[in-house]
Amino acid sequence: ETGYHHCGGALIHESFVVTAAHCMRKPTTYEFVFGKHNISKGEEGQITRKASSVVKHELYGTNGHEYDIALVKLEKPVKLSKKIQPICIPPY
């Protein structure tokens, strides 16, 4: 209710989000909202989670915004639904 949109991320697993490292300056203060498509109002089925840990690329911050990626572990898994799905990552 009092928050605002800060950054985006992608759900890659029920417990993990990939985002930009520069978005994770204070990771324990942020909430991740899933299943919400209208930022100005709550939606049925939306889920909110906090981060339990964040790993930034080891070279982030050494050369501008290169390596600007972070992996966030959520405090508890997100229940997948019709509105909430991880991104499709093709095999390498």
PDB file of N, CA and C in Angstrom:
ATOM      1  N   GLU A   1       0.814  -1.202   0.000  1.00  0.00           N
ATOM      2  CA  GLU A   1       0.000   0.000   0.000  1.00  0.00           C
ATOM      3  C   GLU A   1       0.856   1.264   0.000  1.00  0.00           C
ATOM      4  N   THR A   2       1.905   1.284   0.792  1.00  0.00           N
ATOM      5  CA  THR A   2       2.734   2.481   0.848  1.00  0.00           C
ATOM      6  C   THR A   2       3.984   2.353  -0.012  1.00  0.00           C
ATOM      7  N   GLY A   3       4.179   1.189  -0.623  1.00  0.00           N
ATOM      8  CA  GLY A   3       5.374   0.959  -1.420  1.00  0.00           C
ATOM      9  C   GLY A   3       5.251   1.512  -2.822  1.00  0.00           C
ATOM     10  N   TYR A   4       6.288   1.266  -3.595  1.00  0.00           N
ATOM     11  CA  TYR A   4       6.305   1.704  -4.982  1.00  0.00           C
ATOM     12  C   TYR A   4       7.098   0.684  -5.790  1.00  0.00           C
ATOM     13  N   HIS A   5       6.953   0.752  -7.098  1.00  0.00           N
ATOM     14  CA  HIS A   5       7.680  -0.154  -7.979  1.00  0.00           C
ATOM     15  C   HIS A   5       9.118   0.318  -8.082  1.00  0.00           C
ATOM     16  N   HIS A   6      10.049  -0.550  -7.790  1.00  0.00           N
ATOM     17  CA  HIS A   6      11.471  -0.191  -7.801  1.00  0.00           C
ATOM     18  C   HIS A   6      12.202  -0.837  -8.970  1.00  0.00           C
ATOM     19  N   CYS A   7      12.049  -2.126  -9.141  1.00  0.00           N
ATOM     20  CA  CYS A   7      12.743  -2.877 -10.190  1.00  0.00           C
ATOM     21  C   CYS A   7      11.898  -4.084 -10.578  1.00  0.00           C
ATOM     22  N   GLY A   8      12.288  -4.701 -11.662  1.00  0.00           N
ATOM     23  CA  GLY A   8      11.638  -5.925 -12.097  1.00  0.00           C
ATOM     24  C   GLY A   8      12.566  -7.109 -11.921  1.00  0.00           C
ATOM     25  N   GLY A   9      12.011  -8.261 -12.061  1.00  0.00           N
ATOM     26  CA  GLY A   9      12.785  -9.491 -11.975  1.00  0.00           C
ATOM     27  C   GLY A   9      12.024 -10.588 -12.680  1.00  0.00           C
ATOM     28  N   ALA A  10      12.622 -11.756 -12.745  1.00  0.00           N
ATOM     29  CA  ALA A  10      11.974 -12.897 -13.386  1.00  0.00           C
ATOM     30  C   ALA A  10      12.014 -14.094 -12.449  1.00  0.00           C
ATOM     31  N   LEU A  11      10.858 -14.687 -12.235  1.00  0.00           N
ATOM     32  CA  LEU A  11      10.764 -15.911 -11.448  1.00  0.00           C
ATOM     33  C   LEU A  11      11.351 -17.038 -12.291  1.00  0.00           C
ATOM     34  N   ILE A  12      12.372 -17.725 -11.775  1.00  0.00           N
ATOM     35  CA  ILE A  12      12.976 -18.822 -12.528  1.00  0.00           C
ATOM     36  C   ILE A  12      12.703 -20.174 -11.873  1.00  0.00           C
ATOM     37  N   HIS A  13      12.160 -20.149 -10.676  1.00  0.00           N
ATOM     38  CA  HIS A  13      11.847 -21.345  -9.893  1.00  0.00           C
ATOM     39  C   HIS A  13      10.927 -20.865  -8.780  1.00  0.00           C
ATOM     40  N   GLU A  14      10.219 -21.761  -8.155  1.00  0.00           N
ATOM     41  CA  GLU A  14       9.304 -21.355  -7.082  1.00  0.00           C
ATOM     42  C   GLU A  14      10.000 -20.562  -5.973  1.00  0.00           C
ATOM     43  N   SER A  15      11.302 -20.758  -5.823  1.00  0.00           N
ATOM     44  CA  SER A  15      12.039 -20.114  -4.734  1.00  0.00           C
ATOM     45  C   SER A  15      13.079 -19.092  -5.171  1.00  0.00           C
ATOM     46  N   PHE A  16      13.213 -18.862  -6.494  1.00  0.00           N
ATOM     47  CA  PHE A  16      14.295 -17.995  -6.965  1.00  0.00           C
ATOM     48  C   PHE A  16      13.845 -16.985  -8.011  1.00  0.00           C
ATOM     49  N   VAL A  17      14.402 -15.776  -7.889  1.00  0.00           N
ATOM     50  CA  VAL A  17      14.171 -14.688  -8.841  1.00  0.00           C
ATOM     51  C   VAL A  17      15.529 -14.210  -9.332  1.00  0.00           C
ATOM     52  N   VAL A  18      15.620 -13.902 -10.618  1.00  0.00           N
ATOM     53  CA  VAL A  18      16.817 -13.261 -11.154  1.00  0.00           C
ATOM     54  C   VAL A  18      16.457 -11.798 -11.434  1.00  0.00           C
ATOM     55  N   THR A  19      17.349 -10.902 -11.046  1.00  0.00           N
ATOM     56  CA  THR A  19      17.110  -9.471 -11.199  1.00  0.00           C
ATOM     57  C   THR A  19      18.445  -8.761 -11.415  1.00  0.00           C
ATOM     58  N   ALA A  20      18.407  -7.462 -11.522  1.00  0.00           N
ATOM     59  CA  ALA A  20      19.630  -6.672 -11.654  1.00  0.00           C
ATOM     60  C   ALA A  20      20.261  -6.479 -10.274  1.00  0.00           C
ATOM     61  N   ALA A  21      21.571  -6.604 -10.208  1.00  0.00           N
ATOM     62  CA  ALA A  21      22.272  -6.445  -8.930  1.00  0.00           C
ATOM     63  C   ALA A  21      22.075  -5.043  -8.349  1.00  0.00           C
ATOM     64  N   HIS A  22      21.999  -4.025  -9.217  1.00  0.00           N
ATOM     65  CA  HIS A  22      21.831  -2.664  -8.686  1.00  0.00           C
ATOM     66  C   HIS A  22      20.483  -2.476  -8.002  1.00  0.00           C
ATOM     67  N   CYS A  23      19.564  -3.386  -8.211  1.00  0.00           N
ATOM     68  CA  CYS A  23      18.253  -3.327  -7.548  1.00  0.00           C
ATOM     69  C   CYS A  23      18.318  -3.854  -6.117  1.00  0.00           C
ATOM     70  N   MET A  24      19.398  -4.511  -5.758  1.00  0.00           N
ATOM     71  CA  MET A  24      19.482  -5.196  -4.475  1.00  0.00           C
ATOM     72  C   MET A  24      20.406  -4.501  -3.489  1.00  0.00           C
ATOM     73  N   ARG A  25      20.273  -3.193  -3.375  1.00  0.00           N
ATOM     74  CA  ARG A  25      21.104  -2.441  -2.424  1.00  0.00           C
ATOM     75  C   ARG A  25      20.714  -2.744  -0.971  1.00  0.00           C
ATOM     76  N   LYS A  26      19.415  -2.903  -0.728  1.00  0.00           N
ATOM     77  CA  LYS A  26      18.908  -3.236   0.610  1.00  0.00           C
ATOM     78  C   LYS A  26      17.929  -4.403   0.469  1.00  0.00           C
ATOM     79  N   PRO A  27      18.405  -5.590   0.133  1.00  0.00           N
ATOM     80  CA  PRO A  27      17.519  -6.694  -0.236  1.00  0.00           C
ATOM     81  C   PRO A  27      16.504  -7.109   0.822  1.00  0.00           C
ATOM     82  N   THR A  28      16.827  -6.985   2.087  1.00  0.00           N
ATOM     83  CA  THR A  28      15.882  -7.422   3.115  1.00  0.00           C
ATOM     84  C   THR A  28      14.718  -6.463   3.298  1.00  0.00           C
ATOM     85  N   THR A  29      14.790  -5.277   2.694  1.00  0.00           N
ATOM     86  CA  THR A  29      13.699  -4.311   2.839  1.00  0.00           C
ATOM     87  C   THR A  29      12.696  -4.386   1.693  1.00  0.00           C
ATOM     88  N   TYR A  30      13.020  -5.130   0.647  1.00  0.00           N
ATOM     89  CA  TYR A  30      12.156  -5.179  -0.529  1.00  0.00           C
ATOM     90  C   TYR A  30      11.171  -6.331  -0.460  1.00  0.00           C
ATOM     91  N   GLU A  31      10.029  -6.126  -1.114  1.00  0.00           N
ATOM     92  CA  GLU A  31       9.046  -7.195  -1.286  1.00  0.00           C
ATOM     93  C   GLU A  31       8.943  -7.514  -2.765  1.00  0.00           C
ATOM     94  N   PHE A  32       8.795  -8.776  -3.061  1.00  0.00           N
ATOM     95  CA  PHE A  32       8.581  -9.235  -4.428  1.00  0.00           C
ATOM     96  C   PHE A  32       7.110  -9.584  -4.555  1.00  0.00           C
ATOM     97  N   VAL A  33       6.455  -9.019  -5.550  1.00  0.00           N
ATOM     98  CA  VAL A  33       5.019  -9.229  -5.736  1.00  0.00           C
ATOM     99  C   VAL A  33       4.813 -10.012  -7.024  1.00  0.00           C
ATOM    100  N   PHE A  34       4.097 -11.120  -6.920  1.00  0.00           N
ATOM    101  CA  PHE A  34       3.831 -11.995  -8.059  1.00  0.00           C
ATOM    102  C   PHE A  34       2.336 -12.017  -8.343  1.00  0.00           C
ATOM    103  N   GLY A  35       1.978 -12.086  -9.604  1.00  0.00           N
ATOM    104  CA  GLY A  35       0.574 -12.170  -9.988  1.00  0.00           C
ATOM    105  C   GLY A  35      -0.154 -10.842  -9.970  1.00  0.00           C
ATOM    106  N   LYS A  36       0.596  -9.761  -9.943  1.00  0.00           N
ATOM    107  CA  LYS A  36      -0.006  -8.428  -9.942  1.00  0.00           C
ATOM    108  C   LYS A  36       0.318  -7.761 -11.268  1.00  0.00           C
ATOM    109  N   HIS A  37      -0.704  -7.306 -11.955  1.00  0.00           N
ATOM    110  CA  HIS A  37      -0.507  -6.696 -13.260  1.00  0.00           C
ATOM    111  C   HIS A  37      -0.904  -5.225 -13.288  1.00  0.00           C
ATOM    112  N   ASN A  38      -1.639  -4.790 -12.280  1.00  0.00           N
ATOM    113  CA  ASN A  38      -2.026  -3.383 -12.173  1.00  0.00           C
ATOM    114  C   ASN A  38      -1.382  -2.839 -10.904  1.00  0.00           C
ATOM    115  N   ILE A  39      -0.370  -2.021 -11.071  1.00  0.00           N
ATOM    116  CA  ILE A  39       0.410  -1.530  -9.935  1.00  0.00           C
ATOM    117  C   ILE A  39      -0.400  -0.659  -8.973  1.00  0.00           C
ATOM    118  N   SER A  40      -1.510  -0.099  -9.435  1.00  0.00           N
ATOM    119  CA  SER A  40      -2.268   0.835  -8.601  1.00  0.00           C
ATOM    120  C   SER A  40      -3.315   0.172  -7.714  1.00  0.00           C
ATOM    121  N   LYS A  41      -3.511  -1.148  -7.836  1.00  0.00           N
ATOM    122  CA  LYS A  41      -4.503  -1.808  -6.973  1.00  0.00           C
ATOM    123  C   LYS A  41      -4.114  -3.254  -6.718  1.00  0.00           C
ATOM    124  N   GLY A  42      -4.619  -3.790  -5.627  1.00  0.00           N
ATOM    125  CA  GLY A  42      -4.395  -5.191  -5.312  1.00  0.00           C
ATOM    126  C   GLY A  42      -5.181  -6.073  -6.264  1.00  0.00           C
ATOM    127  N   GLU A  43      -4.708  -7.299  -6.446  1.00  0.00           N
ATOM    128  CA  GLU A  43      -5.389  -8.221  -7.346  1.00  0.00           C
ATOM    129  C   GLU A  43      -5.560  -9.573  -6.677  1.00  0.00           C
ATOM    130  N   GLU A  44      -6.648 -10.229  -6.985  1.00  0.00           N
ATOM    131  CA  GLU A  44      -6.903 -11.561  -6.467  1.00  0.00           C
ATOM    132  C   GLU A  44      -5.801 -12.498  -6.943  1.00  0.00           C
ATOM    133  N   GLY A  45      -5.268 -13.278  -6.027  1.00  0.00           N
ATOM    134  CA  GLY A  45      -4.241 -14.244  -6.382  1.00  0.00           C
ATOM    135  C   GLY A  45      -2.819 -13.720  -6.332  1.00  0.00           C
ATOM    136  N   GLN A  46      -2.643 -12.439  -6.015  1.00  0.00           N
ATOM    137  CA  GLN A  46      -1.274 -11.926  -5.939  1.00  0.00           C
ATOM    138  C   GLN A  46      -0.598 -12.461  -4.678  1.00  0.00           C
ATOM    139  N   ILE A  47       0.708 -12.664  -4.752  1.00  0.00           N
ATOM    140  CA  ILE A  47       1.500 -13.214  -3.653  1.00  0.00           C
ATOM    141  C   ILE A  47       2.685 -12.289  -3.409  1.00  0.00           C
ATOM    142  N   THR A  48       3.011 -12.072  -2.151  1.00  0.00           N
ATOM    143  CA  THR A  48       4.148 -11.230  -1.783  1.00  0.00           C
ATOM    144  C   THR A  48       5.159 -12.065  -1.001  1.00  0.00           C
ATOM    145  N   ARG A  49       6.425 -11.878  -1.335  1.00  0.00           N
ATOM    146  CA  ARG A  49       7.507 -12.573  -0.638  1.00  0.00           C
ATOM    147  C   ARG A  49       8.655 -11.601  -0.385  1.00  0.00           C
ATOM    148  N   LYS A  50       9.433 -11.899   0.644  1.00  0.00           N
ATOM    149  CA  LYS A  50      10.675 -11.167   0.913  1.00  0.00           C
ATOM    150  C   LYS A  50      11.851 -12.075   0.559  1.00  0.00           C
ATOM    151  N   ALA A  51      13.016 -11.472   0.425  1.00  0.00           N
ATOM    152  CA  ALA A  51      14.225 -12.234   0.123  1.00  0.00           C
ATOM    153  C   ALA A  51      14.795 -12.833   1.406  1.00  0.00           C
ATOM    154  N   SER A  52      15.304 -14.060   1.298  1.00  0.00           N
ATOM    155  CA  SER A  52      16.038 -14.633   2.427  1.00  0.00           C
ATOM    156  C   SER A  52      17.538 -14.506   2.196  1.00  0.00           C
ATOM    157  N   SER A  53      17.945 -14.484   0.924  1.00  0.00           N
ATOM    158  CA  SER A  53      19.361 -14.265   0.607  1.00  0.00           C
ATOM    159  C   SER A  53      19.503 -13.775  -0.828  1.00  0.00           C
ATOM    160  N   VAL A  54      20.614 -13.096  -1.086  1.00  0.00           N
ATOM    161  CA  VAL A  54      20.896 -12.548  -2.415  1.00  0.00           C
ATOM    162  C   VAL A  54      22.355 -12.826  -2.751  1.00  0.00           C
ATOM    163  N   VAL A  55      22.586 -13.291  -3.972  1.00  0.00           N
ATOM    164  CA  VAL A  55      23.949 -13.487  -4.468  1.00  0.00           C
ATOM    165  C   VAL A  55      24.105 -12.623  -5.711  1.00  0.00           C
ATOM    166  N   LYS A  56      25.045 -11.678  -5.646  1.00  0.00           N
ATOM    167  CA  LYS A  56      25.344 -10.826  -6.800  1.00  0.00           C
ATOM    168  C   LYS A  56      26.530 -11.431  -7.548  1.00  0.00           C
ATOM    169  N   HIS A  57      26.584 -11.179  -8.847  1.00  0.00           N
ATOM    170  CA  HIS A  57      27.728 -11.648  -9.632  1.00  0.00           C
ATOM    171  C   HIS A  57      29.005 -11.145  -8.969  1.00  0.00           C
ATOM    172  N   GLU A  58      29.997 -12.008  -8.873  1.00  0.00           N
ATOM    173  CA  GLU A  58      31.222 -11.643  -8.146  1.00  0.00           C
ATOM    174  C   GLU A  58      31.975 -10.457  -8.754  1.00  0.00           C
ATOM    175  N   LEU A  59      31.755 -10.163 -10.035  1.00  0.00           N
ATOM    176  CA  LEU A  59      32.434  -9.031 -10.669  1.00  0.00           C
ATOM    177  C   LEU A  59      31.566  -7.774 -10.746  1.00  0.00           C
ATOM    178  N   TYR A  60      30.345  -7.843 -10.206  1.00  0.00           N
ATOM    179  CA  TYR A  60      29.483  -6.659 -10.228  1.00  0.00           C
ATOM    180  C   TYR A  60      30.140  -5.542  -9.411  1.00  0.00           C
ATOM    181  N   GLY A  61      30.103  -4.346  -9.953  1.00  0.00           N
ATOM    182  CA  GLY A  61      30.653  -3.189  -9.259  1.00  0.00           C
ATOM    183  C   GLY A  61      32.110  -2.911  -9.575  1.00  0.00           C
ATOM    184  N   THR A  62      32.721  -3.786 -10.365  1.00  0.00           N
ATOM    185  CA  THR A  62      34.132  -3.587 -10.701  1.00  0.00           C
ATOM    186  C   THR A  62      34.320  -2.757 -11.960  1.00  0.00           C
ATOM    187  N   ASN A  63      33.249  -2.649 -12.778  1.00  0.00           N
ATOM    188  CA  ASN A  63      33.386  -1.936 -14.050  1.00  0.00           C
ATOM    189  C   ASN A  63      32.020  -1.412 -14.492  1.00  0.00           C
ATOM    190  N   GLY A  64      31.548  -0.364 -13.840  1.00  0.00           N
ATOM    191  CA  GLY A  64      30.249   0.211 -14.208  1.00  0.00           C
ATOM    192  C   GLY A  64      29.104  -0.754 -13.938  1.00  0.00           C
ATOM    193  N   HIS A  65      28.224  -0.901 -14.925  1.00  0.00           N
ATOM    194  CA  HIS A  65      27.071  -1.789 -14.754  1.00  0.00           C
ATOM    195  C   HIS A  65      27.264  -3.149 -15.408  1.00  0.00           C
ATOM    196  N   GLU A  66      28.493  -3.486 -15.744  1.00  0.00           N
ATOM    197  CA  GLU A  66      28.728  -4.833 -16.258  1.00  0.00           C
ATOM    198  C   GLU A  66      28.472  -5.836 -15.140  1.00  0.00           C
ATOM    199  N   TYR A  67      28.073  -7.011 -15.500  1.00  0.00           N
ATOM    200  CA  TYR A  67      27.795  -8.107 -14.554  1.00  0.00           C
ATOM    201  C   TYR A  67      26.669  -7.742 -13.587  1.00  0.00           C
ATOM    202  N   ASP A  68      25.741  -6.932 -14.045  1.00  0.00           N
ATOM    203  CA  ASP A  68      24.647  -6.418 -13.208  1.00  0.00           C
ATOM    204  C   ASP A  68      23.531  -7.452 -13.104  1.00  0.00           C
ATOM    205  N   ILE A  69      23.808  -8.516 -12.367  1.00  0.00           N
ATOM    206  CA  ILE A  69      22.836  -9.594 -12.220  1.00  0.00           C
ATOM    207  C   ILE A  69      22.917 -10.147 -10.805  1.00  0.00           C
ATOM    208  N   ALA A  70      21.753 -10.551 -10.285  1.00  0.00           N
ATOM    209  CA  ALA A  70      21.695 -11.116  -8.938  1.00  0.00           C
ATOM    210  C   ALA A  70      20.669 -12.238  -8.904  1.00  0.00           C
ATOM    211  N   LEU A  71      20.936 -13.211  -8.060  1.00  0.00           N
ATOM    212  CA  LEU A  71      20.016 -14.313  -7.816  1.00  0.00           C
ATOM    213  C   LEU A  71      19.460 -14.139  -6.411  1.00  0.00           C
ATOM    214  N   VAL A  72      18.138 -14.113  -6.308  1.00  0.00           N
ATOM    215  CA  VAL A  72      17.467 -13.891  -5.032  1.00  0.00           C
ATOM    216  C   VAL A  72      16.750 -15.166  -4.615  1.00  0.00           C
ATOM    217  N   LYS A  73      17.021 -15.625  -3.396  1.00  0.00           N
ATOM    218  CA  LYS A  73      16.259 -16.744  -2.836  1.00  0.00           C
ATOM    219  C   LYS A  73      15.130 -16.144  -2.011  1.00  0.00           C
ATOM    220  N   LEU A  74      13.919 -16.587  -2.269  1.00  0.00           N
ATOM    221  CA  LEU A  74      12.755 -16.066  -1.553  1.00  0.00           C
ATOM    222  C   LEU A  74      12.634 -16.718  -0.183  1.00  0.00           C
ATOM    223  N   GLU A  75      11.993 -16.009   0.761  1.00  0.00           N
ATOM    224  CA  GLU A  75      11.844 -16.521   2.120  1.00  0.00           C
ATOM    225  C   GLU A  75      11.058 -17.827   2.155  1.00  0.00           C
ATOM    226  N   LYS A  76      10.116 -17.974   1.243  1.00  0.00           N
ATOM    227  CA  LYS A  76       9.403 -19.241   1.081  1.00  0.00           C
ATOM    228  C   LYS A  76       8.934 -19.333  -0.364  1.00  0.00           C
ATOM    229  N   PRO A  77       8.754 -20.552  -0.860  1.00  0.00           N
ATOM    230  CA  PRO A  77       8.389 -20.716  -2.274  1.00  0.00           C
ATOM    231  C   PRO A  77       7.064 -20.039  -2.626  1.00  0.00           C
ATOM    232  N   VAL A  78       6.966 -19.652  -3.885  1.00  0.00           N
ATOM    233  CA  VAL A  78       5.743 -19.083  -4.437  1.00  0.00           C
ATOM    234  C   VAL A  78       4.902 -20.241  -4.962  1.00  0.00           C
ATOM    235  N   LYS A  79       3.618 -20.228  -4.649  1.00  0.00           N
ATOM    236  CA  LYS A  79       2.730 -21.245  -5.210  1.00  0.00           C
ATOM    237  C   LYS A  79       2.405 -20.845  -6.650  1.00  0.00           C
ATOM    238  N   LEU A  80       2.764 -21.709  -7.585  1.00  0.00           N
ATOM    239  CA  LEU A  80       2.506 -21.418  -8.993  1.00  0.00           C
ATOM    240  C   LEU A  80       1.017 -21.541  -9.286  1.00  0.00           C
ATOM    241  N   SER A  81       0.556 -20.739 -10.223  1.00  0.00           N
ATOM    242  CA  SER A  81      -0.859 -20.719 -10.597  1.00  0.00           C
ATOM    243  C   SER A  81      -0.964 -20.347 -12.066  1.00  0.00           C
ATOM    244  N   LYS A  82      -2.187 -20.152 -12.515  1.00  0.00           N
ATOM    245  CA  LYS A  82      -2.401 -19.708 -13.891  1.00  0.00           C
ATOM    246  C   LYS A  82      -1.756 -18.341 -14.135  1.00  0.00           C
ATOM    247  N   LYS A  83      -1.756 -17.491 -13.109  1.00  0.00           N
ATOM    248  CA  LYS A  83      -1.208 -16.137 -13.226  1.00  0.00           C
ATOM    249  C   LYS A  83       0.273 -16.053 -12.866  1.00  0.00           C
ATOM    250  N   ILE A  84       0.783 -17.039 -12.155  1.00  0.00           N
ATOM    251  CA  ILE A  84       2.169 -16.995 -11.677  1.00  0.00           C
ATOM    252  C   ILE A  84       2.912 -18.221 -12.182  1.00  0.00           C
ATOM    253  N   GLN A  85       3.858 -17.988 -13.089  1.00  0.00           N
ATOM    254  CA  GLN A  85       4.651 -19.063 -13.688  1.00  0.00           C
ATOM    255  C   GLN A  85       6.097 -18.597 -13.830  1.00  0.00           C
ATOM    256  N   PRO A  86       7.052 -19.526 -13.704  1.00  0.00           N
ATOM    257  CA  PRO A  86       8.438 -19.138 -13.962  1.00  0.00           C
ATOM    258  C   PRO A  86       8.657 -18.909 -15.454  1.00  0.00           C
ATOM    259  N   ILE A  87       9.691 -18.134 -15.778  1.00  0.00           N
ATOM    260  CA  ILE A  87      10.009 -17.922 -17.185  1.00  0.00           C
ATOM    261  C   ILE A  87      10.479 -19.238 -17.795  1.00  0.00           C
ATOM    262  N   CYS A  88      10.363 -19.338 -19.091  1.00  0.00           N
ATOM    263  CA  CYS A  88      10.808 -20.521 -19.816  1.00  0.00           C
ATOM    264  C   CYS A  88      12.271 -20.316 -20.204  1.00  0.00           C
ATOM    265  N   ILE A  89      13.131 -21.164 -19.684  1.00  0.00           N
ATOM    266  CA  ILE A  89      14.554 -21.086 -20.006  1.00  0.00           C
ATOM    267  C   ILE A  89      14.898 -22.310 -20.854  1.00  0.00           C
ATOM    268  N   PRO A  90      15.271 -22.092 -22.107  1.00  0.00           N
ATOM    269  CA  PRO A  90      15.590 -23.232 -22.967  1.00  0.00           C
ATOM    270  C   PRO A  90      16.883 -23.911 -22.524  1.00  0.00           C
ATOM    271  N   PRO A  91      17.021 -25.196 -22.837  1.00  0.00           N
ATOM    272  CA  PRO A  91      18.272 -25.882 -22.483  1.00  0.00           C
ATOM    273  C   PRO A  91      19.437 -25.294 -23.263  1.00  0.00           C
ATOM    274  N   TYR A  92      20.600 -25.353 -22.682  1.00  0.00           N
ATOM    275  CA  TYR A  92      21.786 -24.794 -23.322  1.00  0.00           C
ATOM    276  C   TYR A  92      22.293 -25.744 -24.376  1.00  0.00           C
TER     277      TYR A  92
END
